[in-house]
Amino acid sequence: MKTGLILEGGGVRGAYIAGILDVFIKEGIEFDYACGVSAGAGALFNFISKQEGGLKNVFLCPQEDSYYGFREFLRSGKFMNVKKVYGKMAYEKADFDFETFFASKTEVEVVATDCVTGKADYLTHNGTEESFFDIGRATSSLPLICGPYRIGNKFYMDGSVSDPIPVKRALEKGCERVIVLSTKADGMEPADLKKYTFLMKLMYPGFGGFIDSIQVRVPNLLSQYELVDKMAEEGITMVYHPRGHWDVSHMDKDVDKIRALYEEGIREANERIGETRDFLKLS
């Protein structure tokens, strides 16, 4: 039976996913296929390298080392610096295990939105650190916050615009059971970027497809949530999502709230580890 793992984006709300994945690493849980979106890609990379606790340090980094916010804007001219979070110095500082990552048998993809077509591209590395950093930056490059990222002759931005929960992609890849790690808590409303359409048209005149995708992002996301829940009833998906902490924003600076979200992920994963193993048909 082929198994899949889907990781939703959500900025620092990804601390919840990081907590779950730390338990999965500790328990030796692996997947045949895995796909991450935006911040979910960073969580996925750490999971594949099997470095328990590695991502926690990123989410709980000191203000002076942060890669987003007004201080970073003064340093780099961007409110979020994807070259900093997906950069050689950052990964050397974290002692990232590239050898384990590239040796993994899990098929790894990330979702990035083609700025011209507005469609999802499913990117993977080619076994080099350069390609690893490229796909991480492509899926995480937010409109207005840090802008498009170029790979070859294509420009990419946030994967959550075109395919925020790529469970259909997992099925296309032949997965029969899929675990979905979501950052959405009950009562949360998806961020609607349509109010910035005029500004984006001024900033990105050649990216009509991306701007069109922005217009339908929220209904697309809501339909994907419904699909995932329906598939859960059918025994195809198993969904994790925060039970609380809905007040943690995507770019929150409150380290205590982010830590509580991480700890909730650990707590829930430990509570559901038997259910998870049964779902994946692990011994």
C-alpha atoms as a PDB file:
ATOM      1  CA  MET A   1       0.000   0.000   0.000  1.00  0.00           C
ATOM      2  CA  LYS A   2       1.436   3.367  -1.036  1.00  0.00           C
ATOM      3  CA  THR A   3       1.196   6.078   1.613  1.00  0.00           C
ATOM      4  CA  GLY A   4       1.290   9.854   1.284  1.00  0.00           C
ATOM      5  CA  LEU A   5       1.865  12.900   3.472  1.00  0.00           C
ATOM      6  CA  ILE A   6       0.484  16.376   2.722  1.00  0.00           C
ATOM      7  CA  LEU A   7       1.647  19.457   4.640  1.00  0.00           C
ATOM      8  CA  GLU A   8      -0.354  22.687   4.422  1.00  0.00           C
ATOM      9  CA  GLY A   9       1.312  26.099   4.634  1.00  0.00           C
ATOM     10  CA  GLY A  10       0.551  28.750   7.203  1.00  0.00           C
ATOM     11  CA  GLY A  11       3.712  30.606   8.174  1.00  0.00           C
ATOM     12  CA  VAL A  12       4.694  30.162  11.814  1.00  0.00           C
ATOM     13  CA  ARG A  13       1.479  28.199  12.344  1.00  0.00           C
ATOM     14  CA  GLY A  14       3.603  25.439  10.861  1.00  0.00           C
ATOM     15  CA  ALA A  15       5.012  24.998  14.374  1.00  0.00           C
ATOM     16  CA  TYR A  16       2.000  22.744  14.978  1.00  0.00           C
ATOM     17  CA  ILE A  17       3.044  20.535  12.047  1.00  0.00           C
ATOM     18  CA  ALA A  18       6.644  20.564  13.283  1.00  0.00           C
ATOM     19  CA  GLY A  19       5.492  19.119  16.600  1.00  0.00           C
ATOM     20  CA  ILE A  20       3.610  16.304  14.897  1.00  0.00           C
ATOM     21  CA  LEU A  21       6.534  15.482  12.634  1.00  0.00           C
ATOM     22  CA  ASP A  22       8.962  15.336  15.555  1.00  0.00           C
ATOM     23  CA  VAL A  23       6.807  12.561  17.000  1.00  0.00           C
ATOM     24  CA  PHE A  24       6.685  10.808  13.617  1.00  0.00           C
ATOM     25  CA  ILE A  25      10.492  10.950  13.423  1.00  0.00           C
ATOM     26  CA  LYS A  26      10.814   9.554  16.935  1.00  0.00           C
ATOM     27  CA  GLU A  27       8.352   6.766  16.088  1.00  0.00           C
ATOM     28  CA  GLY A  28      10.081   5.909  12.812  1.00  0.00           C
ATOM     29  CA  ILE A  29       7.034   6.696  10.648  1.00  0.00           C
ATOM     30  CA  GLU A  30       7.852   7.145   6.964  1.00  0.00           C
ATOM     31  CA  PHE A  31       5.900   7.684   3.735  1.00  0.00           C
ATOM     32  CA  ASP A  32       6.266   6.718   0.088  1.00  0.00           C
ATOM     33  CA  TYR A  33       5.295  10.186  -1.147  1.00  0.00           C
ATOM     34  CA  ALA A  34       5.221  13.600   0.518  1.00  0.00           C
ATOM     35  CA  CYS A  35       4.240  17.064  -0.703  1.00  0.00           C
ATOM     36  CA  GLY A  36       4.701  20.352   1.150  1.00  0.00           C
ATOM     37  CA  VAL A  37       3.223  23.773   0.474  1.00  0.00           C
ATOM     38  CA  SER A  38       4.929  27.023   1.469  1.00  0.00           C
ATOM     39  CA  ALA A  39       5.896  26.728   5.161  1.00  0.00           C
ATOM     40  CA  GLY A  40       4.839  23.086   4.946  1.00  0.00           C
ATOM     41  CA  ALA A  41       7.779  22.500   2.614  1.00  0.00           C
ATOM     42  CA  GLY A  42      10.259  23.579   5.282  1.00  0.00           C
ATOM     43  CA  ALA A  43       8.617  21.212   7.757  1.00  0.00           C
ATOM     44  CA  LEU A  44       8.766  18.440   5.181  1.00  0.00           C
ATOM     45  CA  PHE A  45      12.474  18.967   4.483  1.00  0.00           C
ATOM     46  CA  ASN A  46      13.286  18.642   8.179  1.00  0.00           C
ATOM     47  CA  PHE A  47      11.139  15.505   8.446  1.00  0.00           C
ATOM     48  CA  ILE A  48      12.879  13.841   5.513  1.00  0.00           C
ATOM     49  CA  SER A  49      16.290  14.611   7.056  1.00  0.00           C
ATOM     50  CA  LYS A  50      15.026  12.939  10.274  1.00  0.00           C
ATOM     51  CA  GLN A  51      16.240  15.716  12.567  1.00  0.00           C
ATOM     52  CA  GLU A  52      13.909  15.715  15.528  1.00  0.00           C
ATOM     53  CA  GLY A  53      13.583  19.208  17.006  1.00  0.00           C
ATOM     54  CA  GLY A  54      15.375  20.886  14.114  1.00  0.00           C
ATOM     55  CA  LEU A  55      12.454  22.952  12.895  1.00  0.00           C
ATOM     56  CA  LYS A  56      11.429  24.001  16.395  1.00  0.00           C
ATOM     57  CA  ASN A  57      14.533  26.169  16.551  1.00  0.00           C
ATOM     58  CA  VAL A  58      13.533  27.949  13.328  1.00  0.00           C
ATOM     59  CA  PHE A  59      10.065  28.838  14.580  1.00  0.00           C
ATOM     60  CA  LEU A  60      11.344  29.899  17.981  1.00  0.00           C
ATOM     61  CA  CYS A  61      14.411  31.804  16.760  1.00  0.00           C
ATOM     62  CA  PRO A  62      15.405  35.042  18.558  1.00  0.00           C
ATOM     63  CA  GLN A  63      14.173  38.324  17.088  1.00  0.00           C
ATOM     64  CA  GLU A  64      17.662  39.280  15.942  1.00  0.00           C
ATOM     65  CA  ASP A  65      17.897  36.089  13.858  1.00  0.00           C
ATOM     66  CA  SER A  66      14.374  36.279  12.425  1.00  0.00           C
ATOM     67  CA  TYR A  67      13.850  36.087   8.661  1.00  0.00           C
ATOM     68  CA  TYR A  68      10.589  38.111   8.597  1.00  0.00           C
ATOM     69  CA  GLY A  69       9.142  41.310   9.965  1.00  0.00           C
ATOM     70  CA  PHE A  70      10.040  45.012   9.996  1.00  0.00           C
ATOM     71  CA  ARG A  71      13.573  44.411  11.261  1.00  0.00           C
ATOM     72  CA  GLU A  72      14.229  42.108   8.315  1.00  0.00           C
ATOM     73  CA  PHE A  73      12.758  44.735   5.966  1.00  0.00           C
ATOM     74  CA  LEU A  74      15.307  47.245   7.236  1.00  0.00           C
ATOM     75  CA  ARG A  75      18.091  44.701   6.683  1.00  0.00           C
ATOM     76  CA  SER A  76      17.150  43.296   3.273  1.00  0.00           C
ATOM     77  CA  GLY A  77      14.320  45.420   1.869  1.00  0.00           C
ATOM     78  CA  LYS A  78      11.889  42.481   2.103  1.00  0.00           C
ATOM     79  CA  PHE A  79       9.400  41.695   4.849  1.00  0.00           C
ATOM     80  CA  MET A  80      10.277  38.026   4.437  1.00  0.00           C
ATOM     81  CA  ASN A  81      13.677  36.946   3.191  1.00  0.00           C
ATOM     82  CA  VAL A  82      13.343  33.501   1.569  1.00  0.00           C
ATOM     83  CA  LYS A  83      17.026  33.469   0.660  1.00  0.00           C
ATOM     84  CA  LYS A  84      17.781  33.737   4.363  1.00  0.00           C
ATOM     85  CA  VAL A  85      15.470  30.975   5.553  1.00  0.00           C
ATOM     86  CA  TYR A  86      16.403  28.760   2.577  1.00  0.00           C
ATOM     87  CA  GLY A  87      20.088  29.580   2.437  1.00  0.00           C
ATOM     88  CA  LYS A  88      23.380  27.838   2.949  1.00  0.00           C
ATOM     89  CA  MET A  89      24.294  29.779   6.089  1.00  0.00           C
ATOM     90  CA  ALA A  90      20.932  29.047   7.728  1.00  0.00           C
ATOM     91  CA  TYR A  91      21.128  25.344   6.983  1.00  0.00           C
ATOM     92  CA  GLU A  92      24.776  25.128   8.033  1.00  0.00           C
ATOM     93  CA  LYS A  93      23.844  26.817  11.306  1.00  0.00           C
ATOM     94  CA  ALA A  94      21.125  24.221  11.807  1.00  0.00           C
ATOM     95  CA  ASP A  95      23.571  21.447  10.811  1.00  0.00           C
ATOM     96  CA  PHE A  96      21.023  20.157   8.295  1.00  0.00           C
ATOM     97  CA  ASP A  97      21.644  16.536   7.292  1.00  0.00           C
ATOM     98  CA  PHE A  98      21.686  16.795   3.505  1.00  0.00           C
ATOM     99  CA  GLU A  99      23.116  13.288   3.192  1.00  0.00           C
ATOM    100  CA  THR A 100      20.079  11.719   4.891  1.00  0.00           C
ATOM    101  CA  PHE A 101      17.710  13.983   2.990  1.00  0.00           C
ATOM    102  CA  PHE A 102      19.054  13.091  -0.452  1.00  0.00           C
ATOM    103  CA  ALA A 103      19.303   9.386   0.431  1.00  0.00           C
ATOM    104  CA  SER A 104      15.628   9.183   1.421  1.00  0.00           C
ATOM    105  CA  LYS A 105      13.402   6.794  -0.524  1.00  0.00           C
ATOM    106  CA  THR A 106      10.413   9.128  -0.059  1.00  0.00           C
ATOM    107  CA  GLU A 107       9.388  10.939  -3.229  1.00  0.00           C
ATOM    108  CA  VAL A 108       9.410  14.620  -2.260  1.00  0.00           C
ATOM    109  CA  GLU A 109       7.567  17.427  -4.056  1.00  0.00           C
ATOM    110  CA  VAL A 110       6.599  20.993  -3.221  1.00  0.00           C
ATOM    111  CA  VAL A 111       3.838  23.090  -4.765  1.00  0.00           C
ATOM    112  CA  ALA A 112       4.751  26.399  -6.388  1.00  0.00           C
ATOM    113  CA  THR A 113       2.458  28.656  -8.420  1.00  0.00           C
ATOM    114  CA  ASP A 114       3.607  29.533 -11.941  1.00  0.00           C
ATOM    115  CA  CYS A 115       3.278  33.324 -12.017  1.00  0.00           C
ATOM    116  CA  VAL A 116       2.341  33.447 -15.722  1.00  0.00           C
ATOM    117  CA  THR A 117      -0.218  30.623 -15.878  1.00  0.00           C
ATOM    118  CA  GLY A 118      -1.403  30.747 -12.281  1.00  0.00           C
ATOM    119  CA  LYS A 119      -1.293  26.943 -12.222  1.00  0.00           C
ATOM    120  CA  ALA A 120       0.435  24.651  -9.758  1.00  0.00           C
ATOM    121  CA  ASP A 121       3.816  23.192 -10.585  1.00  0.00           C
ATOM    122  CA  TYR A 122       5.047  20.270  -8.509  1.00  0.00           C
ATOM    123  CA  LEU A 123       8.753  20.778  -8.032  1.00  0.00           C
ATOM    124  CA  THR A 124      11.410  18.394  -6.824  1.00  0.00           C
ATOM    125  CA  HIS A 125      15.134  18.614  -6.240  1.00  0.00           C
ATOM    126  CA  ASN A 126      17.732  17.054  -8.519  1.00  0.00           C
ATOM    127  CA  GLY A 127      20.003  15.889  -5.734  1.00  0.00           C
ATOM    128  CA  THR A 128      21.868  19.168  -5.297  1.00  0.00           C
ATOM    129  CA  GLU A 129      21.755  21.717  -2.497  1.00  0.00           C
ATOM    130  CA  GLU A 130      21.118  24.456  -5.064  1.00  0.00           C
ATOM    131  CA  SER A 131      17.931  22.775  -6.298  1.00  0.00           C
ATOM    132  CA  PHE A 132      16.899  22.106  -2.688  1.00  0.00           C
ATOM    133  CA  PHE A 133      17.091  25.810  -1.874  1.00  0.00           C
ATOM    134  CA  ASP A 134      15.406  26.775  -5.156  1.00  0.00           C
ATOM    135  CA  ILE A 135      12.252  24.740  -4.616  1.00  0.00           C
ATOM    136  CA  GLY A 136      11.971  25.874  -0.981  1.00  0.00           C
ATOM    137  CA  ARG A 137      12.177  29.516  -2.026  1.00  0.00           C
ATOM    138  CA  ALA A 138       9.738  29.039  -4.915  1.00  0.00           C
ATOM    139  CA  THR A 139       6.930  27.561  -2.819  1.00  0.00           C
ATOM    140  CA  SER A 140       7.418  30.092  -0.009  1.00  0.00           C
ATOM    141  CA  SER A 141       7.709  33.352  -1.973  1.00  0.00           C
ATOM    142  CA  LEU A 142       4.668  35.319  -0.883  1.00  0.00           C
ATOM    143  CA  PRO A 143       3.148  38.062  -3.050  1.00  0.00           C
ATOM    144  CA  LEU A 144       3.921  41.581  -1.836  1.00  0.00           C
ATOM    145  CA  ILE A 145       5.841  40.217   1.176  1.00  0.00           C
ATOM    146  CA  CYS A 146       8.827  38.973  -0.806  1.00  0.00           C
ATOM    147  CA  GLY A 147       7.745  38.705  -4.450  1.00  0.00           C
ATOM    148  CA  PRO A 148       8.461  36.157  -7.208  1.00  0.00           C
ATOM    149  CA  TYR A 149      11.353  33.713  -7.291  1.00  0.00           C
ATOM    150  CA  ARG A 150      12.948  32.659 -10.552  1.00  0.00           C
ATOM    151  CA  ILE A 151      14.018  29.141 -11.518  1.00  0.00           C
ATOM    152  CA  GLY A 152      15.300  28.926 -15.080  1.00  0.00           C
ATOM    153  CA  ASN A 153      12.882  30.851 -17.289  1.00  0.00           C
ATOM    154  CA  LYS A 154       9.958  30.589 -14.866  1.00  0.00           C
ATOM    155  CA  PHE A 155       8.828  32.805 -12.013  1.00  0.00           C
ATOM    156  CA  TYR A 156       7.098  31.295  -9.002  1.00  0.00           C
ATOM    157  CA  MET A 157       5.217  32.419  -5.921  1.00  0.00           C
ATOM    158  CA  ASP A 158       3.329  30.894  -3.005  1.00  0.00           C
ATOM    159  CA  GLY A 159       2.136  27.339  -3.699  1.00  0.00           C
ATOM    160  CA  SER A 160      -0.934  27.833  -1.513  1.00  0.00           C
ATOM    161  CA  VAL A 161      -2.423  30.119  -4.173  1.00  0.00           C
ATOM    162  CA  SER A 162      -2.862  27.305  -6.719  1.00  0.00           C
ATOM    163  CA  ASP A 163      -3.006  24.053  -4.708  1.00  0.00           C
ATOM    164  CA  PRO A 164      -3.014  24.657  -0.940  1.00  0.00           C
ATOM    165  CA  ILE A 165      -3.820  21.044   0.024  1.00  0.00           C
ATOM    166  CA  PRO A 166      -2.539  18.832  -2.808  1.00  0.00           C
ATOM    167  CA  VAL A 167      -4.314  15.634  -1.807  1.00  0.00           C
ATOM    168  CA  LYS A 168      -5.401  15.016  -5.424  1.00  0.00           C
ATOM    169  CA  ARG A 169      -1.731  15.077  -6.400  1.00  0.00           C
ATOM    170  CA  ALA A 170      -1.064  12.334  -3.836  1.00  0.00           C
ATOM    171  CA  LEU A 171      -3.819  10.217  -5.384  1.00  0.00           C
ATOM    172  CA  GLU A 172      -2.369  10.822  -8.859  1.00  0.00           C
ATOM    173  CA  LYS A 173       0.905   9.515  -7.476  1.00  0.00           C
ATOM    174  CA  GLY A 174      -0.854   6.295  -6.498  1.00  0.00           C
ATOM    175  CA  CYS A 175      -1.257   6.869  -2.767  1.00  0.00           C
ATOM    176  CA  GLU A 176      -4.038   4.850  -1.148  1.00  0.00           C
ATOM    177  CA  ARG A 177      -3.770   6.342   2.332  1.00  0.00           C
ATOM    178  CA  VAL A 178      -2.851   9.985   2.909  1.00  0.00           C
ATOM    179  CA  ILE A 179      -2.172  11.843   6.150  1.00  0.00           C
ATOM    180  CA  VAL A 180      -2.951  15.563   5.888  1.00  0.00           C
ATOM    181  CA  LEU A 181      -1.324  17.956   8.349  1.00  0.00           C
ATOM    182  CA  SER A 182      -3.313  21.196   8.370  1.00  0.00           C
ATOM    183  CA  THR A 183      -2.594  24.471  10.128  1.00  0.00           C
ATOM    184  CA  LYS A 184      -6.248  25.578  10.129  1.00  0.00           C
ATOM    185  CA  ALA A 185      -7.970  25.666  13.499  1.00  0.00           C
ATOM    186  CA  ASP A 186     -11.735  25.611  13.974  1.00  0.00           C
ATOM    187  CA  GLY A 187     -13.115  29.127  13.553  1.00  0.00           C
ATOM    188  CA  MET A 188     -10.279  30.396  11.387  1.00  0.00           C
ATOM    189  CA  GLU A 189     -11.107  32.209   8.168  1.00  0.00           C
ATOM    190  CA  PRO A 190      -8.721  31.895   5.203  1.00  0.00           C
ATOM    191  CA  ALA A 191      -6.751  35.003   4.306  1.00  0.00           C
ATOM    192  CA  ASP A 192      -8.289  36.604   1.215  1.00  0.00           C
ATOM    193  CA  LEU A 193      -5.720  38.427  -0.897  1.00  0.00           C
ATOM    194  CA  LYS A 194      -8.256  39.773  -3.395  1.00  0.00           C
ATOM    195  CA  LYS A 195      -8.220  43.132  -1.616  1.00  0.00           C
ATOM    196  CA  TYR A 196      -4.658  43.582  -2.881  1.00  0.00           C
ATOM    197  CA  THR A 197      -5.543  42.876  -6.525  1.00  0.00           C
ATOM    198  CA  PHE A 198      -5.037  46.448  -7.721  1.00  0.00           C
ATOM    199  CA  LEU A 199      -1.624  46.667  -6.061  1.00  0.00           C
ATOM    200  CA  MET A 200      -0.558  43.295  -7.480  1.00  0.00           C
ATOM    201  CA  LYS A 201      -1.610  44.347 -10.968  1.00  0.00           C
ATOM    202  CA  LEU A 202       0.699  47.332 -10.638  1.00  0.00           C
ATOM    203  CA  MET A 203       3.585  45.296  -9.265  1.00  0.00           C
ATOM    204  CA  TYR A 204       3.225  42.192 -11.436  1.00  0.00           C
ATOM    205  CA  PRO A 205       1.936  43.317 -14.852  1.00  0.00           C
ATOM    206  CA  GLY A 206       3.031  40.118 -16.600  1.00  0.00           C
ATOM    207  CA  PHE A 207       1.556  37.733 -14.050  1.00  0.00           C
ATOM    208  CA  GLY A 208      -2.126  37.743 -14.990  1.00  0.00           C
ATOM    209  CA  GLY A 209      -2.518  34.023 -14.349  1.00  0.00           C
ATOM    210  CA  PHE A 210      -1.284  34.372 -10.793  1.00  0.00           C
ATOM    211  CA  ILE A 211      -3.623  37.294 -10.127  1.00  0.00           C
ATOM    212  CA  ASP A 212      -6.535  35.298 -11.583  1.00  0.00           C
ATOM    213  CA  SER A 213      -5.715  32.424  -9.219  1.00  0.00           C
ATOM    214  CA  ILE A 214      -5.771  34.844  -6.277  1.00  0.00           C
ATOM    215  CA  GLN A 215      -9.433  35.595  -7.100  1.00  0.00           C
ATOM    216  CA  VAL A 216     -10.492  31.967  -6.571  1.00  0.00           C
ATOM    217  CA  ARG A 217      -8.011  30.932  -3.897  1.00  0.00           C
ATOM    218  CA  VAL A 218     -10.441  31.016  -0.956  1.00  0.00           C
ATOM    219  CA  PRO A 219     -13.271  29.001  -2.561  1.00  0.00           C
ATOM    220  CA  ASN A 220     -10.652  26.579  -3.880  1.00  0.00           C
ATOM    221  CA  LEU A 221      -9.191  26.145  -0.393  1.00  0.00           C
ATOM    222  CA  LEU A 222     -12.597  25.661   1.216  1.00  0.00           C
ATOM    223  CA  SER A 223     -13.519  23.016  -1.359  1.00  0.00           C
ATOM    224  CA  GLN A 224     -10.238  21.223  -0.624  1.00  0.00           C
ATOM    225  CA  TYR A 225     -11.023  21.190   3.104  1.00  0.00           C
ATOM    226  CA  GLU A 226     -14.403  19.654   2.280  1.00  0.00           C
ATOM    227  CA  LEU A 227     -12.798  17.071  -0.003  1.00  0.00           C
ATOM    228  CA  VAL A 228     -10.247  16.058   2.613  1.00  0.00           C
ATOM    229  CA  ASP A 229     -13.008  15.633   5.235  1.00  0.00           C
ATOM    230  CA  LYS A 230     -15.089  13.554   2.817  1.00  0.00           C
ATOM    231  CA  MET A 231     -12.092  11.369   2.043  1.00  0.00           C
ATOM    232  CA  ALA A 232     -11.508  10.960   5.785  1.00  0.00           C
ATOM    233  CA  GLU A 233     -15.022   9.527   6.111  1.00  0.00           C
ATOM    234  CA  GLU A 234     -14.122   7.105   3.320  1.00  0.00           C
ATOM    235  CA  GLY A 235     -10.937   6.034   5.071  1.00  0.00           C
ATOM    236  CA  ILE A 236      -8.591   7.540   2.482  1.00  0.00           C
ATOM    237  CA  THR A 237      -7.254  10.459   4.510  1.00  0.00           C
ATOM    238  CA  MET A 238      -6.445  11.050   8.146  1.00  0.00           C
ATOM    239  CA  VAL A 239      -6.386  14.704   9.159  1.00  0.00           C
ATOM    240  CA  TYR A 240      -4.516  16.535  11.879  1.00  0.00           C
ATOM    241  CA  HIS A 241      -5.432  20.152  12.635  1.00  0.00           C
ATOM    242  CA  PRO A 242      -5.008  22.400  15.688  1.00  0.00           C
ATOM    243  CA  ARG A 243      -7.780  22.265  18.237  1.00  0.00           C
ATOM    244  CA  GLY A 244      -6.907  25.710  19.572  1.00  0.00           C
ATOM    245  CA  HIS A 245      -4.505  28.603  19.121  1.00  0.00           C
ATOM    246  CA  TRP A 246      -6.546  30.058  16.279  1.00  0.00           C
ATOM    247  CA  ASP A 247      -5.240  33.484  17.333  1.00  0.00           C
ATOM    248  CA  VAL A 248      -1.683  32.747  16.128  1.00  0.00           C
ATOM    249  CA  SER A 249      -1.181  34.698  12.903  1.00  0.00           C
ATOM    250  CA  HIS A 250       0.888  33.478   9.952  1.00  0.00           C
ATOM    251  CA  MET A 251       3.698  35.912  10.799  1.00  0.00           C
ATOM    252  CA  ASP A 252       3.210  36.088  14.568  1.00  0.00           C
ATOM    253  CA  LYS A 253       6.110  37.257  16.720  1.00  0.00           C
ATOM    254  CA  ASP A 254       4.850  35.902  20.043  1.00  0.00           C
ATOM    255  CA  VAL A 255       7.314  33.103  20.793  1.00  0.00           C
ATOM    256  CA  ASP A 256       5.215  31.770  23.679  1.00  0.00           C
ATOM    257  CA  LYS A 257       2.162  31.319  21.461  1.00  0.00           C
ATOM    258  CA  ILE A 258       4.238  29.659  18.751  1.00  0.00           C
ATOM    259  CA  ARG A 259       5.785  27.295  21.317  1.00  0.00           C
ATOM    260  CA  ALA A 260       2.320  26.388  22.620  1.00  0.00           C
ATOM    261  CA  LEU A 261       1.252  25.521  19.061  1.00  0.00           C
ATOM    262  CA  TYR A 262       4.335  23.317  18.639  1.00  0.00           C
ATOM    263  CA  GLU A 263       3.608  21.566  21.929  1.00  0.00           C
ATOM    264  CA  GLU A 264       0.004  21.000  20.868  1.00  0.00           C
ATOM    265  CA  GLY A 265       1.292  19.195  17.773  1.00  0.00           C
ATOM    266  CA  ILE A 266       3.463  16.933  19.918  1.00  0.00           C
ATOM    267  CA  ARG A 267       0.614  16.248  22.317  1.00  0.00           C
ATOM    268  CA  GLU A 268      -1.898  15.375  19.603  1.00  0.00           C
ATOM    269  CA  ALA A 269       0.539  13.189  17.676  1.00  0.00           C
ATOM    270  CA  ASN A 270       1.337  11.205  20.817  1.00  0.00           C
ATOM    271  CA  GLU A 271      -2.364  10.806  21.592  1.00  0.00           C
ATOM    272  CA  ARG A 272      -3.103   9.577  18.068  1.00  0.00           C
ATOM    273  CA  ILE A 273       0.015   7.548  17.359  1.00  0.00           C
ATOM    274  CA  GLY A 274      -1.842   4.231  17.606  1.00  0.00           C
ATOM    275  CA  GLU A 275      -4.553   5.515  15.274  1.00  0.00           C
ATOM    276  CA  THR A 276      -1.885   6.771  12.884  1.00  0.00           C
ATOM    277  CA  ARG A 277      -0.104   3.419  12.785  1.00  0.00           C
ATOM    278  CA  ASP A 278      -3.386   1.583  12.217  1.00  0.00           C
ATOM    279  CA  PHE A 279      -4.331   3.979   9.411  1.00  0.00           C
ATOM    280  CA  LEU A 280      -1.011   3.451   7.654  1.00  0.00           C
ATOM    281  CA  LYS A 281      -1.170  -0.284   8.399  1.00  0.00           C
ATOM    282  CA  LEU A 282       2.143  -0.228  10.208  1.00  0.00           C
ATOM    283  CA  SER A 283       3.087  -3.013  12.573  1.00  0.00           C
END
